[in-house]
Amino acid sequence: MKKDRKIVVLIVLCSLFVVAAVLYMFKDKLFVRKETVTVSENREMPAADAVTNEITNGLVVEQKFINRTDPIKELAVVFTKLYVLDDVDITIELLDGNKSLLKKTVNVLQIEDQHRFFVEASQPIEGVLGKELTLRIYPETASDTGLALMMQETGKETILFGKMKVKGTICFSLTGE
């Protein structure tokens, strides 16, 4: 009986050793690991409930905001098409004071109606966390563009639409890490 007990204990210990060895060798495949990833607070896209006037005749549209994303990898803006013009370019620019951080000129035919239009940074934009940045959108020609911006009417923020101030925020977002 004593010998049987020793054999059982030996078998159990060997089995535990084999199980421990297998678990150690395949731990990455057998267990879900919880990783901590640092994510900055991205500027979320506001829900649209209104539309700005048409961006026309050299009109500059600006939205100032405090940046909560660092580094910035991408800007997304939502336009709506009022009508279609063929050969009109519009520029989307992100500024820190007078310094251009991100800029893209695009033909209005490349912009889909009420979809996010993305402007990617060639390199992540760093060092702008907590700064007041400006989103600026303007046509490259003194012509009608057929475009307006989707916006959310708010009492807190202001869109500078040429010389006119409009209560609200442009539907745009910034993404980073």
Protein backbone atom coordinates (compact mmCIF):
# COMPACT_ATOMS: atom_id res chain seq x y z
CA MET A 1 0.00 0.00 0.00
CA LYS A 2 2.87 2.32 0.86
CA LYS A 3 4.47 1.52 -2.49
CA ASP A 4 1.20 2.29 -4.33
CA ARG A 5 1.01 5.66 -2.61
CA LYS A 6 4.56 6.52 -3.68
CA ILE A 7 3.74 5.60 -7.29
CA VAL A 8 0.57 7.74 -7.25
CA VAL A 9 2.48 10.71 -5.78
CA LEU A 10 5.25 10.24 -8.36
CA ILE A 11 2.71 10.12 -11.21
CA VAL A 12 0.94 13.24 -9.90
CA LEU A 13 4.24 15.14 -9.55
CA CYS A 14 5.36 14.11 -13.04
CA SER A 15 1.99 15.11 -14.46
CA LEU A 16 2.18 18.51 -12.72
CA PHE A 17 5.71 19.01 -14.07
CA VAL A 18 4.59 18.19 -17.64
CA VAL A 19 1.55 20.50 -17.35
CA ALA A 20 3.71 23.31 -15.95
CA ALA A 21 6.26 22.87 -18.76
CA VAL A 22 3.54 22.94 -21.44
CA LEU A 23 1.90 26.01 -19.90
CA TYR A 24 5.23 27.81 -19.71
CA MET A 25 6.12 27.00 -23.34
CA PHE A 26 2.72 28.04 -24.74
CA LYS A 27 1.72 30.77 -22.29
CA ASP A 28 1.43 33.42 -25.03
CA LYS A 29 -0.98 31.28 -27.01
CA LEU A 30 -3.00 29.85 -24.15
CA PHE A 31 -3.70 32.92 -22.03
CA VAL A 32 -5.13 36.31 -22.88
CA ARG A 33 -2.74 38.95 -21.64
CA LYS A 34 -4.02 42.29 -20.51
CA GLU A 35 -1.82 45.06 -21.87
CA THR A 36 -1.89 48.68 -20.90
CA VAL A 37 -1.81 51.05 -23.85
CA THR A 38 -1.47 54.76 -23.34
CA VAL A 39 -4.11 56.59 -25.34
CA SER A 40 -4.37 60.35 -25.42
CA GLU A 41 -7.78 61.99 -25.31
CA ASN A 42 -8.80 62.33 -28.96
CA ARG A 43 -11.10 65.10 -30.09
CA GLU A 44 -14.33 63.26 -30.81
CA MET A 45 -16.47 64.18 -33.81
CA PRO A 46 -19.47 66.26 -32.65
CA ALA A 47 -22.86 65.06 -33.86
CA ALA A 48 -24.11 67.17 -36.76
CA ASP A 49 -27.38 69.01 -36.34
CA ALA A 50 -26.87 71.91 -38.76
CA VAL A 51 -25.01 73.03 -41.88
CA THR A 52 -22.91 76.16 -42.40
CA ASN A 53 -23.40 78.52 -45.31
CA GLU A 54 -21.63 77.67 -48.56
CA ILE A 55 -17.87 78.21 -48.62
CA THR A 56 -17.57 80.73 -51.47
CA ASN A 57 -15.60 83.56 -53.03
CA GLY A 58 -12.37 83.36 -51.06
CA LEU A 59 -14.26 83.00 -47.78
CA VAL A 60 -12.16 81.66 -44.88
CA VAL A 61 -13.82 79.46 -42.27
CA GLU A 62 -12.02 79.06 -38.93
CA GLN A 63 -12.65 77.12 -35.73
CA LYS A 64 -10.36 77.64 -32.72
CA PHE A 65 -10.14 74.89 -30.10
CA ILE A 66 -7.95 73.61 -27.28
CA ASN A 67 -6.12 70.51 -28.48
CA ARG A 68 -6.43 67.32 -26.39
CA THR A 69 -4.59 64.97 -28.79
CA ASP A 70 -0.82 64.47 -28.83
CA PRO A 71 0.61 63.36 -31.14
CA ILE A 72 -1.85 64.20 -33.93
CA LYS A 73 -1.85 61.69 -36.76
CA GLU A 74 -5.02 62.53 -38.64
CA LEU A 75 -7.70 65.18 -39.07
CA ALA A 76 -11.21 64.35 -40.29
CA VAL A 77 -13.77 66.93 -41.48
CA VAL A 78 -17.35 66.37 -42.65
CA PHE A 79 -18.59 68.37 -45.64
CA THR A 80 -21.94 68.39 -47.37
CA LYS A 81 -22.37 69.09 -51.07
CA LEU A 82 -25.00 71.67 -51.96
CA TYR A 83 -24.36 71.20 -55.68
CA VAL A 84 -21.45 69.93 -57.77
CA LEU A 85 -18.79 72.07 -59.44
CA ASP A 86 -16.06 70.50 -61.53
CA ASP A 87 -12.74 72.18 -61.06
CA VAL A 88 -12.67 73.86 -57.67
CA ASP A 89 -10.01 73.20 -55.04
CA ILE A 90 -10.44 73.68 -51.32
CA THR A 91 -7.71 73.78 -48.67
CA ILE A 92 -7.98 72.26 -45.19
CA GLU A 93 -5.34 73.48 -42.77
CA LEU A 94 -4.50 72.98 -39.09
CA LEU A 95 -2.54 75.82 -37.49
CA ASP A 96 -0.72 76.55 -34.26
CA GLY A 97 -0.84 80.34 -34.28
CA ASN A 98 0.57 81.21 -37.72
CA LYS A 99 2.49 77.94 -38.04
CA SER A 100 0.88 75.43 -40.41
CA LEU A 101 0.89 71.94 -38.85
CA LEU A 102 -1.13 70.11 -41.46
CA LYS A 103 -2.36 71.25 -44.86
CA LYS A 104 -4.09 69.58 -47.80
CA THR A 105 -5.61 71.02 -50.96
CA VAL A 106 -8.19 68.83 -52.64
CA ASN A 107 -10.59 69.05 -55.56
CA VAL A 108 -14.22 69.14 -54.38
CA LEU A 109 -15.01 66.12 -56.58
CA GLN A 110 -12.84 63.98 -54.25
CA ILE A 111 -15.01 64.85 -51.24
CA GLU A 112 -17.96 62.57 -50.54
CA ASP A 113 -21.19 64.11 -49.32
CA GLN A 114 -21.58 63.85 -45.53
CA HIS A 115 -18.65 61.47 -45.10
CA ARG A 116 -15.46 62.09 -43.16
CA PHE A 117 -12.70 63.52 -45.31
CA PHE A 118 -9.34 62.51 -43.84
CA VAL A 119 -6.11 64.50 -43.87
CA GLU A 120 -3.19 62.42 -42.65
CA ALA A 121 -0.01 63.89 -41.21
CA SER A 122 3.15 62.75 -42.99
CA GLN A 123 4.74 62.52 -39.52
CA PRO A 124 2.94 62.64 -36.16
CA ILE A 125 2.51 66.23 -34.93
CA GLU A 126 3.86 66.44 -31.38
CA GLY A 127 4.14 69.10 -28.72
CA VAL A 128 0.74 70.71 -29.23
CA LEU A 129 -1.17 69.20 -26.29
CA GLY A 130 -3.17 71.88 -24.46
CA LYS A 131 -2.48 74.55 -27.11
CA GLU A 132 -5.11 76.57 -28.90
CA LEU A 133 -5.14 75.37 -32.51
CA THR A 134 -7.10 76.63 -35.50
CA LEU A 135 -8.87 74.60 -38.16
CA ARG A 136 -8.99 76.73 -41.31
CA ILE A 137 -10.87 75.84 -44.51
CA TYR A 138 -10.90 78.01 -47.62
CA PRO A 139 -11.31 77.77 -51.41
CA GLU A 140 -8.22 78.19 -53.57
CA THR A 141 -10.14 80.23 -56.14
CA ALA A 142 -12.54 83.14 -55.82
CA SER A 143 -15.34 80.87 -56.93
CA ASP A 144 -18.26 78.99 -55.48
CA THR A 145 -17.34 75.55 -54.15
CA GLY A 146 -20.74 73.94 -53.73
CA LEU A 147 -19.58 72.81 -50.28
CA ALA A 148 -20.76 73.57 -46.78
CA LEU A 149 -19.56 72.15 -43.48
CA MET A 150 -21.56 69.94 -41.19
CA MET A 151 -21.73 71.54 -37.74
CA GLN A 152 -23.23 71.23 -34.31
CA GLU A 153 -25.03 74.28 -32.96
CA THR A 154 -23.73 75.10 -29.48
CA GLY A 155 -23.82 78.16 -27.31
CA LYS A 156 -20.21 77.78 -26.19
CA GLU A 157 -18.06 77.66 -29.32
CA THR A 158 -17.85 80.00 -32.29
CA ILE A 159 -17.06 79.42 -35.96
CA LEU A 160 -15.56 82.39 -37.76
CA PHE A 161 -17.22 82.37 -41.17
CA GLY A 162 -15.48 85.16 -43.04
CA LYS A 163 -16.18 88.15 -40.79
CA MET A 164 -19.35 86.63 -39.39
CA LYS A 165 -19.38 84.67 -36.12
CA VAL A 166 -21.62 81.62 -35.95
CA LYS A 167 -22.42 79.80 -32.70
CA GLY A 168 -21.40 76.19 -33.09
CA THR A 169 -18.58 73.79 -33.82
CA ILE A 170 -17.48 72.28 -37.12
CA CYS A 171 -17.86 68.50 -37.28
CA PHE A 172 -14.22 67.47 -37.21
CA SER A 173 -12.02 65.17 -35.19
CA LEU A 174 -8.35 64.61 -34.48
CA THR A 175 -6.85 61.21 -33.89
CA GLY A 176 -3.51 60.25 -32.43
CA GLU A 177 -2.22 57.68 -29.97
